């Protein structure tokens, strides 16, 4: 999934792009996408946020985004 697609989902759910989300919302977005599409996007979200200098929390062990 492209970052632009993730941005659209993030905006529809939280009113912010992936970069504009809080760390917990970034986790919730990754979990939502994993549950609805089956696609693991955590690494893509984390990389995009890290490139922007934003800290993103590590997902809980064995969670759907792990």
Protein backbone atom coordinates (compact mmCIF):
# COMPACT_ATOMS: atom_id res chain seq x y z
CA UNK A 1 0.00 0.00 0.00
CA UNK A 2 1.30 3.45 -0.93
CA UNK A 3 1.84 6.18 1.62
CA UNK A 4 -0.73 8.32 -0.21
CA UNK A 5 -3.33 5.59 0.37
CA UNK A 6 -2.38 5.41 4.03
CA UNK A 7 -2.69 9.19 4.25
CA UNK A 8 -6.23 9.00 2.86
CA UNK A 9 -7.20 6.37 5.43
CA UNK A 10 -5.55 8.35 8.25
CA UNK A 11 -7.37 11.52 7.23
CA UNK A 12 -10.71 9.72 7.09
CA UNK A 13 -10.18 8.16 10.54
CA UNK A 14 -8.23 10.80 12.45
CA UNK A 15 -8.23 13.98 10.37
CA UNK A 16 -4.42 13.94 9.91
CA UNK A 17 -1.90 12.45 7.50
CA UNK A 18 0.45 9.68 8.65
CA UNK A 19 3.08 12.30 9.51
CA UNK A 20 0.56 14.38 11.45
CA UNK A 21 -0.62 11.52 13.66
CA UNK A 22 0.42 11.03 17.25
CA UNK A 23 2.49 7.88 17.90
CA UNK A 24 -0.52 6.00 19.32
CA UNK A 25 -2.71 6.98 16.38
CA UNK A 26 0.00 5.71 14.02
CA UNK A 27 -0.22 2.34 15.78
CA UNK A 28 -4.01 2.37 15.57
CA UNK A 29 -3.82 3.17 11.86
CA UNK A 30 -1.47 0.24 11.24
CA UNK A 31 -3.74 -2.06 13.22
CA UNK A 32 -6.84 -0.84 11.36
CA UNK A 33 -5.23 -1.42 7.96
CA UNK A 34 -3.94 -4.85 8.99
CA UNK A 35 -7.41 -5.89 10.19
CA UNK A 36 -9.32 -4.51 7.19
CA UNK A 37 -6.94 -5.37 4.34
CA UNK A 38 -4.65 -7.99 5.84
CA UNK A 39 -1.67 -5.95 4.70
CA UNK A 40 1.09 -5.34 7.26
CA UNK A 41 1.88 -1.63 6.89
CA UNK A 42 3.56 -0.94 10.22
CA UNK A 43 7.06 -0.76 8.71
CA UNK A 44 5.94 1.66 5.97
CA UNK A 45 4.27 3.95 8.51
CA UNK A 46 7.26 3.78 10.87
CA UNK A 47 9.78 4.52 8.09
CA UNK A 48 7.78 7.50 6.83
CA UNK A 49 7.50 8.94 10.33
CA UNK A 50 11.18 8.28 11.12
CA UNK A 51 12.22 10.10 7.92
CA UNK A 52 10.21 13.07 9.20
CA UNK A 53 12.03 12.90 12.55
CA UNK A 54 9.03 11.57 14.46
CA UNK A 55 9.26 8.90 17.10
CA UNK A 56 6.78 6.05 16.70
CA UNK A 57 6.20 3.58 19.50
CA UNK A 58 7.05 -0.06 19.03
CA UNK A 59 3.94 -2.24 18.73
CA UNK A 60 3.07 -4.61 21.51
CA UNK A 61 4.54 -8.10 21.07
CA UNK A 62 2.19 -10.45 19.16
CA UNK A 63 -0.25 -7.62 18.41
CA UNK A 64 -1.69 -7.43 14.90
CA UNK A 65 0.87 -4.79 13.96
CA UNK A 66 3.87 -6.69 15.39
